[in-house]
N, C-alpha and C. Protein backbone atom coordinates (compact mmCIF):
# COMPACT_ATOMS: atom_id res chain seq x y z
N UNK A 1 -51.04 -173.67 1.69
CA UNK A 1 -51.28 -172.63 2.66
C UNK A 1 -52.42 -173.03 3.57
N UNK A 2 -52.31 -172.64 4.81
CA UNK A 2 -53.36 -172.92 5.78
C UNK A 2 -54.00 -171.59 6.19
N UNK A 3 -55.31 -171.50 6.00
CA UNK A 3 -56.06 -170.29 6.33
C UNK A 3 -57.02 -170.58 7.47
N UNK A 4 -57.21 -169.60 8.30
CA UNK A 4 -58.21 -169.65 9.35
C UNK A 4 -59.13 -168.44 9.13
N UNK A 5 -60.42 -168.67 9.20
CA UNK A 5 -61.38 -167.58 9.01
C UNK A 5 -62.38 -167.59 10.16
N UNK A 6 -62.56 -166.45 10.75
CA UNK A 6 -63.61 -166.25 11.74
C UNK A 6 -64.70 -165.44 11.05
N UNK A 7 -65.89 -166.02 11.00
CA UNK A 7 -67.00 -165.40 10.27
C UNK A 7 -68.11 -165.01 11.24
N UNK A 8 -68.65 -163.83 11.03
CA UNK A 8 -69.72 -163.31 11.87
C UNK A 8 -70.83 -162.79 10.96
N UNK A 9 -72.05 -162.98 11.38
CA UNK A 9 -73.15 -162.51 10.56
C UNK A 9 -74.39 -162.25 11.38
N UNK A 10 -75.27 -161.46 10.81
CA UNK A 10 -76.56 -161.18 11.42
C UNK A 10 -77.59 -161.09 10.30
N UNK A 11 -78.76 -161.56 10.61
CA UNK A 11 -79.83 -161.58 9.62
C UNK A 11 -81.13 -161.24 10.33
N UNK A 12 -81.98 -160.48 9.67
CA UNK A 12 -83.27 -160.11 10.26
C UNK A 12 -84.32 -160.01 9.17
N UNK A 13 -85.57 -160.24 9.55
CA UNK A 13 -86.69 -160.10 8.62
C UNK A 13 -87.87 -159.50 9.38
N UNK A 14 -88.57 -158.61 8.72
CA UNK A 14 -89.74 -157.97 9.31
C UNK A 14 -90.92 -158.18 8.37
N UNK A 15 -92.01 -158.73 8.91
CA UNK A 15 -93.22 -158.88 8.11
C UNK A 15 -94.02 -157.59 8.30
N UNK A 16 -93.92 -156.70 7.31
CA UNK A 16 -94.54 -155.38 7.40
C UNK A 16 -96.06 -155.45 7.25
N UNK A 17 -96.52 -156.45 6.52
CA UNK A 17 -97.96 -156.67 6.33
C UNK A 17 -98.12 -158.14 5.96
N UNK A 18 -99.35 -158.63 5.82
CA UNK A 18 -99.51 -160.02 5.40
C UNK A 18 -98.89 -160.32 4.03
N UNK A 19 -98.64 -159.29 3.24
CA UNK A 19 -98.12 -159.47 1.88
C UNK A 19 -96.64 -159.12 1.76
N UNK A 20 -96.14 -158.19 2.57
CA UNK A 20 -94.79 -157.65 2.39
C UNK A 20 -93.86 -158.05 3.53
N UNK A 21 -92.71 -158.62 3.17
CA UNK A 21 -91.66 -158.92 4.13
C UNK A 21 -90.38 -158.25 3.67
N UNK A 22 -89.71 -157.57 4.58
CA UNK A 22 -88.44 -156.91 4.30
C UNK A 22 -87.37 -157.54 5.19
N UNK A 23 -86.24 -157.84 4.61
CA UNK A 23 -85.19 -158.47 5.38
C UNK A 23 -83.82 -157.96 4.97
N UNK A 24 -82.84 -158.41 5.71
CA UNK A 24 -81.48 -158.02 5.39
C UNK A 24 -80.48 -158.89 6.13
N UNK A 25 -79.24 -158.81 5.68
CA UNK A 25 -78.17 -159.55 6.34
C UNK A 25 -76.87 -158.79 6.16
N UNK A 26 -75.97 -158.98 7.10
CA UNK A 26 -74.61 -158.45 7.01
C UNK A 26 -73.67 -159.56 7.44
N UNK A 27 -72.48 -159.54 6.89
CA UNK A 27 -71.48 -160.53 7.26
C UNK A 27 -70.09 -159.93 7.27
N UNK A 28 -69.28 -160.42 8.18
CA UNK A 28 -67.89 -159.99 8.29
C UNK A 28 -67.02 -161.22 8.49
N UNK A 29 -65.92 -161.29 7.76
CA UNK A 29 -64.99 -162.41 7.85
C UNK A 29 -63.59 -161.85 8.08
N UNK A 30 -62.91 -162.39 9.06
CA UNK A 30 -61.51 -162.05 9.27
C UNK A 30 -60.72 -163.32 8.94
N UNK A 31 -59.93 -163.26 7.88
CA UNK A 31 -59.18 -164.42 7.40
C UNK A 31 -57.69 -164.19 7.63
N UNK A 32 -56.99 -165.27 8.01
CA UNK A 32 -55.56 -165.16 8.29
C UNK A 32 -54.85 -166.39 7.74
N UNK A 33 -53.71 -166.17 7.07
CA UNK A 33 -52.84 -167.26 6.62
C UNK A 33 -51.87 -167.56 7.75
N UNK A 34 -51.95 -168.76 8.30
CA UNK A 34 -51.15 -169.07 9.48
C UNK A 34 -49.77 -169.63 9.17
N UNK A 35 -49.51 -169.99 7.92
CA UNK A 35 -48.22 -170.62 7.63
C UNK A 35 -47.34 -169.74 6.74
N UNK A 36 -47.61 -168.44 6.70
CA UNK A 36 -46.77 -167.49 5.97
C UNK A 36 -46.13 -166.53 6.97
N UNK A 37 -44.98 -165.98 6.64
CA UNK A 37 -44.35 -165.02 7.54
C UNK A 37 -45.29 -163.85 7.83
N UNK A 38 -45.29 -163.41 9.07
CA UNK A 38 -46.09 -162.27 9.55
C UNK A 38 -47.59 -162.56 9.59
N UNK A 39 -48.01 -163.79 9.30
CA UNK A 39 -49.43 -164.16 9.37
C UNK A 39 -50.33 -163.12 8.69
N UNK A 40 -50.22 -162.94 7.36
CA UNK A 40 -51.04 -161.93 6.68
C UNK A 40 -52.53 -162.19 6.90
N UNK A 41 -53.31 -161.10 6.90
CA UNK A 41 -54.73 -161.24 7.15
C UNK A 41 -55.53 -160.30 6.27
N UNK A 42 -56.81 -160.57 6.21
CA UNK A 42 -57.71 -159.74 5.41
C UNK A 42 -59.06 -159.65 6.11
N UNK A 43 -59.74 -158.53 5.89
CA UNK A 43 -61.10 -158.34 6.36
C UNK A 43 -62.02 -158.32 5.15
N UNK A 44 -63.13 -159.04 5.26
CA UNK A 44 -64.05 -159.21 4.14
C UNK A 44 -65.46 -158.86 4.64
N UNK A 45 -66.20 -158.10 3.84
CA UNK A 45 -67.52 -157.62 4.25
C UNK A 45 -68.55 -157.94 3.16
N UNK A 46 -69.77 -158.29 3.57
CA UNK A 46 -70.86 -158.57 2.65
C UNK A 46 -72.18 -158.11 3.27
N UNK A 47 -73.16 -157.80 2.43
CA UNK A 47 -74.47 -157.39 2.91
C UNK A 47 -75.53 -157.64 1.84
N UNK A 48 -76.80 -157.64 2.25
CA UNK A 48 -77.91 -157.75 1.31
C UNK A 48 -79.19 -157.23 1.95
N UNK A 49 -80.08 -156.72 1.10
CA UNK A 49 -81.43 -156.30 1.48
C UNK A 49 -82.39 -157.13 0.63
N UNK A 50 -83.43 -157.66 1.26
CA UNK A 50 -84.36 -158.56 0.58
C UNK A 50 -85.80 -158.08 0.74
N UNK A 51 -86.59 -158.28 -0.28
CA UNK A 51 -88.00 -157.93 -0.26
C UNK A 51 -88.79 -159.10 -0.82
N UNK A 52 -89.82 -159.53 -0.11
CA UNK A 52 -90.71 -160.61 -0.59
C UNK A 52 -92.14 -160.09 -0.60
N UNK A 53 -92.86 -160.42 -1.66
CA UNK A 53 -94.26 -160.05 -1.82
C UNK A 53 -95.06 -161.35 -1.96
N UNK A 54 -95.89 -161.64 -0.98
CA UNK A 54 -96.63 -162.91 -0.94
C UNK A 54 -97.96 -162.84 -1.69
N UNK A 55 -98.39 -164.03 -2.13
CA UNK A 55 -99.69 -164.20 -2.80
C UNK A 55 -99.86 -163.27 -3.99
N UNK A 56 -98.79 -163.09 -4.74
CA UNK A 56 -98.82 -162.26 -5.95
C UNK A 56 -99.26 -163.15 -7.11
N UNK A 57 -100.36 -162.82 -7.74
CA UNK A 57 -100.85 -163.59 -8.88
C UNK A 57 -101.68 -164.80 -8.50
N UNK A 58 -101.30 -165.47 -7.41
CA UNK A 58 -102.00 -166.69 -7.01
C UNK A 58 -101.63 -167.01 -5.57
N UNK A 59 -102.54 -167.50 -4.78
CA UNK A 59 -102.28 -167.83 -3.38
C UNK A 59 -101.14 -168.85 -3.29
N UNK A 60 -100.20 -168.59 -2.41
CA UNK A 60 -99.05 -169.47 -2.23
C UNK A 60 -97.85 -169.08 -3.08
N UNK A 61 -98.06 -168.21 -4.05
CA UNK A 61 -96.96 -167.74 -4.90
C UNK A 61 -96.36 -166.47 -4.29
N UNK A 62 -95.11 -166.18 -4.64
CA UNK A 62 -94.50 -164.95 -4.14
C UNK A 62 -93.37 -164.50 -5.06
N UNK A 63 -93.11 -163.20 -5.01
CA UNK A 63 -92.01 -162.60 -5.76
C UNK A 63 -90.94 -162.18 -4.76
N UNK A 64 -89.70 -162.29 -5.17
CA UNK A 64 -88.61 -161.90 -4.29
C UNK A 64 -87.58 -161.06 -5.03
N UNK A 65 -86.99 -160.11 -4.30
CA UNK A 65 -85.99 -159.21 -4.86
C UNK A 65 -84.85 -159.07 -3.85
N UNK A 66 -83.63 -159.08 -4.36
CA UNK A 66 -82.45 -158.94 -3.50
C UNK A 66 -81.48 -157.94 -4.13
N UNK A 67 -80.91 -157.09 -3.30
CA UNK A 67 -79.81 -156.20 -3.69
C UNK A 67 -78.75 -156.39 -2.61
N UNK A 68 -77.52 -156.66 -3.04
CA UNK A 68 -76.49 -156.85 -2.05
C UNK A 68 -75.09 -156.74 -2.63
N UNK A 69 -74.12 -156.87 -1.76
CA UNK A 69 -72.71 -156.83 -2.15
C UNK A 69 -72.09 -158.19 -1.87
N UNK A 70 -71.56 -158.85 -2.91
CA UNK A 70 -70.84 -160.10 -2.66
C UNK A 70 -69.65 -159.83 -1.73
N UNK A 71 -69.11 -160.87 -1.09
CA UNK A 71 -67.98 -160.67 -0.18
C UNK A 71 -66.87 -159.83 -0.83
N UNK A 72 -66.45 -158.77 -0.11
CA UNK A 72 -65.48 -157.82 -0.63
C UNK A 72 -64.34 -157.63 0.38
N UNK A 73 -63.11 -157.73 -0.11
CA UNK A 73 -61.95 -157.50 0.75
C UNK A 73 -61.83 -155.99 1.00
N UNK A 74 -62.03 -155.59 2.25
CA UNK A 74 -61.98 -154.17 2.61
C UNK A 74 -60.66 -153.79 3.28
N UNK A 75 -59.92 -154.78 3.74
CA UNK A 75 -58.58 -154.55 4.32
C UNK A 75 -57.73 -155.78 4.02
N UNK A 76 -56.47 -155.55 3.68
CA UNK A 76 -55.54 -156.64 3.44
C UNK A 76 -54.18 -156.21 3.98
N UNK A 77 -53.58 -157.02 4.82
CA UNK A 77 -52.31 -156.63 5.43
C UNK A 77 -51.16 -156.57 4.42
N UNK A 78 -51.37 -157.09 3.20
CA UNK A 78 -50.37 -156.95 2.14
C UNK A 78 -50.38 -155.53 1.55
N UNK A 79 -51.42 -154.75 1.86
CA UNK A 79 -51.50 -153.38 1.37
C UNK A 79 -52.72 -153.15 0.50
N UNK A 80 -52.89 -151.88 0.10
CA UNK A 80 -54.07 -151.47 -0.66
C UNK A 80 -54.17 -152.14 -2.03
N UNK A 81 -53.05 -152.55 -2.60
CA UNK A 81 -53.09 -153.21 -3.92
C UNK A 81 -53.81 -154.55 -3.85
N UNK A 82 -53.99 -155.11 -2.66
CA UNK A 82 -54.60 -156.43 -2.52
C UNK A 82 -56.02 -156.38 -1.95
N UNK A 83 -56.56 -155.18 -1.76
CA UNK A 83 -57.97 -155.11 -1.36
C UNK A 83 -58.79 -154.75 -2.60
N UNK A 84 -60.07 -155.06 -2.55
CA UNK A 84 -60.95 -154.78 -3.69
C UNK A 84 -61.17 -153.28 -3.81
N UNK A 85 -60.79 -152.73 -4.97
CA UNK A 85 -60.88 -151.28 -5.19
C UNK A 85 -62.28 -150.83 -5.60
N UNK A 86 -63.00 -151.67 -6.34
CA UNK A 86 -64.33 -151.32 -6.83
C UNK A 86 -65.37 -152.13 -6.05
N UNK A 87 -66.64 -151.96 -6.39
CA UNK A 87 -67.70 -152.66 -5.67
C UNK A 87 -68.65 -153.35 -6.63
N UNK A 88 -68.81 -154.66 -6.45
CA UNK A 88 -69.80 -155.44 -7.19
C UNK A 88 -71.14 -155.33 -6.48
N UNK A 89 -72.21 -155.49 -7.25
CA UNK A 89 -73.54 -155.63 -6.66
C UNK A 89 -74.16 -156.91 -7.18
N UNK A 90 -74.92 -157.55 -6.33
CA UNK A 90 -75.70 -158.72 -6.70
C UNK A 90 -77.16 -158.26 -6.72
N UNK A 91 -77.79 -158.32 -7.89
CA UNK A 91 -79.19 -157.95 -8.06
C UNK A 91 -79.95 -159.20 -8.47
N UNK A 92 -81.05 -159.48 -7.82
CA UNK A 92 -81.77 -160.71 -8.12
C UNK A 92 -83.28 -160.49 -8.03
N UNK A 93 -84.00 -161.14 -8.93
CA UNK A 93 -85.46 -161.13 -8.91
C UNK A 93 -85.94 -162.53 -9.28
N UNK A 94 -86.98 -163.00 -8.60
CA UNK A 94 -87.54 -164.31 -8.93
C UNK A 94 -89.03 -164.31 -8.62
N UNK A 95 -89.73 -165.26 -9.20
CA UNK A 95 -91.15 -165.43 -8.95
C UNK A 95 -91.42 -166.90 -8.69
N UNK A 96 -91.87 -167.21 -7.49
CA UNK A 96 -92.17 -168.58 -7.09
C UNK A 96 -93.65 -168.83 -7.37
N UNK A 97 -93.92 -169.59 -8.42
CA UNK A 97 -95.30 -169.88 -8.83
C UNK A 97 -95.69 -171.24 -8.27
N UNK A 98 -96.63 -171.24 -7.33
CA UNK A 98 -97.12 -172.48 -6.74
C UNK A 98 -98.19 -173.04 -7.69
N UNK A 99 -97.81 -174.01 -8.51
CA UNK A 99 -98.71 -174.55 -9.53
C UNK A 99 -99.76 -175.46 -8.91
N UNK A 100 -99.34 -176.38 -8.06
CA UNK A 100 -100.24 -177.26 -7.32
C UNK A 100 -99.68 -177.37 -5.90
N UNK A 101 -100.36 -178.15 -5.05
CA UNK A 101 -99.84 -178.35 -3.69
C UNK A 101 -98.47 -179.02 -3.71
N UNK A 102 -98.18 -179.77 -4.78
CA UNK A 102 -96.93 -180.54 -4.84
C UNK A 102 -95.91 -180.01 -5.84
N UNK A 103 -96.24 -178.97 -6.58
CA UNK A 103 -95.35 -178.51 -7.64
C UNK A 103 -95.25 -176.98 -7.66
N UNK A 104 -93.99 -176.50 -7.67
CA UNK A 104 -93.75 -175.07 -7.80
C UNK A 104 -92.66 -174.85 -8.84
N UNK A 105 -92.80 -173.79 -9.60
CA UNK A 105 -91.80 -173.41 -10.59
C UNK A 105 -91.33 -171.99 -10.26
N UNK A 106 -90.02 -171.80 -10.23
CA UNK A 106 -89.46 -170.51 -9.83
C UNK A 106 -88.46 -170.01 -10.88
N UNK A 107 -88.93 -169.20 -11.84
CA UNK A 107 -87.98 -168.56 -12.75
C UNK A 107 -87.35 -167.35 -12.05
N UNK A 108 -86.12 -167.05 -12.45
CA UNK A 108 -85.45 -165.91 -11.85
C UNK A 108 -84.33 -165.37 -12.73
N UNK A 109 -83.85 -164.22 -12.34
CA UNK A 109 -82.73 -163.59 -13.04
C UNK A 109 -81.85 -162.94 -11.98
N UNK A 110 -80.53 -163.17 -12.09
CA UNK A 110 -79.64 -162.38 -11.25
C UNK A 110 -78.54 -161.77 -12.09
N UNK A 111 -78.06 -160.65 -11.60
CA UNK A 111 -77.05 -159.87 -12.29
C UNK A 111 -75.95 -159.55 -11.28
N UNK A 112 -74.71 -159.75 -11.69
CA UNK A 112 -73.56 -159.32 -10.88
C UNK A 112 -72.88 -158.20 -11.66
N UNK A 113 -72.88 -157.00 -11.08
CA UNK A 113 -72.19 -155.88 -11.72
C UNK A 113 -70.73 -155.89 -11.26
N UNK A 114 -69.83 -155.48 -12.13
CA UNK A 114 -68.40 -155.41 -11.81
C UNK A 114 -67.90 -156.67 -11.10
N UNK A 115 -68.04 -157.85 -11.75
CA UNK A 115 -67.62 -159.09 -11.11
C UNK A 115 -66.20 -159.00 -10.56
N UNK A 116 -65.97 -159.69 -9.45
CA UNK A 116 -64.70 -159.68 -8.73
C UNK A 116 -64.35 -158.27 -8.24
N UNK A 117 -65.37 -157.44 -8.06
CA UNK A 117 -65.19 -156.06 -7.59
C UNK A 117 -64.21 -155.30 -8.47
N UNK A 118 -64.40 -155.47 -9.79
CA UNK A 118 -63.51 -154.84 -10.77
C UNK A 118 -64.39 -154.20 -11.84
N UNK A 119 -64.40 -152.86 -11.89
CA UNK A 119 -65.23 -152.14 -12.85
C UNK A 119 -64.87 -152.44 -14.30
N UNK A 120 -63.70 -152.99 -14.55
CA UNK A 120 -63.29 -153.35 -15.92
C UNK A 120 -64.02 -154.59 -16.43
N UNK A 121 -64.60 -155.37 -15.51
CA UNK A 121 -65.32 -156.59 -15.90
C UNK A 121 -66.77 -156.25 -16.20
N UNK A 122 -67.27 -156.77 -17.32
CA UNK A 122 -68.66 -156.56 -17.69
C UNK A 122 -69.61 -157.33 -16.78
N UNK A 123 -70.82 -156.85 -16.66
CA UNK A 123 -71.82 -157.50 -15.82
C UNK A 123 -72.12 -158.91 -16.29
N UNK A 124 -72.48 -159.76 -15.35
CA UNK A 124 -72.86 -161.15 -15.64
C UNK A 124 -74.37 -161.26 -15.43
N UNK A 125 -75.06 -161.86 -16.39
CA UNK A 125 -76.51 -162.08 -16.31
C UNK A 125 -76.76 -163.59 -16.33
N UNK A 126 -77.55 -164.06 -15.37
CA UNK A 126 -77.85 -165.49 -15.30
C UNK A 126 -79.34 -165.68 -15.08
N UNK A 127 -79.97 -166.41 -15.99
CA UNK A 127 -81.38 -166.76 -15.83
C UNK A 127 -81.47 -168.15 -15.20
N UNK A 128 -82.44 -168.35 -14.36
CA UNK A 128 -82.60 -169.64 -13.69
C UNK A 128 -84.06 -170.08 -13.76
N UNK A 129 -84.25 -171.38 -13.68
CA UNK A 129 -85.58 -171.96 -13.50
C UNK A 129 -85.42 -173.13 -12.54
N UNK A 130 -86.13 -173.04 -11.42
CA UNK A 130 -86.08 -174.11 -10.43
C UNK A 130 -87.46 -174.74 -10.35
N UNK A 131 -87.51 -176.05 -10.31
CA UNK A 131 -88.75 -176.79 -10.14
C UNK A 131 -88.69 -177.53 -8.82
N UNK A 132 -89.72 -177.36 -7.99
CA UNK A 132 -89.74 -177.98 -6.67
C UNK A 132 -90.92 -178.94 -6.60
N UNK A 133 -90.61 -180.20 -6.28
CA UNK A 133 -91.62 -181.24 -6.07
C UNK A 133 -91.68 -181.51 -4.58
N UNK A 134 -92.87 -181.42 -3.99
CA UNK A 134 -93.04 -181.64 -2.55
C UNK A 134 -93.97 -182.84 -2.36
N UNK A 135 -93.50 -183.79 -1.56
CA UNK A 135 -94.32 -184.99 -1.29
C UNK A 135 -94.38 -185.28 0.19
């Protein structure tokens, strides 16, 4: 199958104070199968709100939080049975600890509720640890 997708998005961030930054993003995708009869198509929507708190615990370190919706099919030309009936959420928290000028460690946790936009699916929990070396 050959698919064509036109994707549109917008992102913004506001530094509310020297410590607090609030941001967000929205995205829309229109996807179409070009080699099937009637050229079926779907509309897909995603969004997120982000919060960052700078210099928490130590200068150069920051905490981040995200709440958003993974890409969700909101319209499908095959009918309502093929669009996502439920809504997943992506919840994420992390702490970027600047250990030295050249080393940072970022532990985090993210949770996906109702994976695949299906309330029958249990939430997914993933812990992460990222190490960044800067030279």
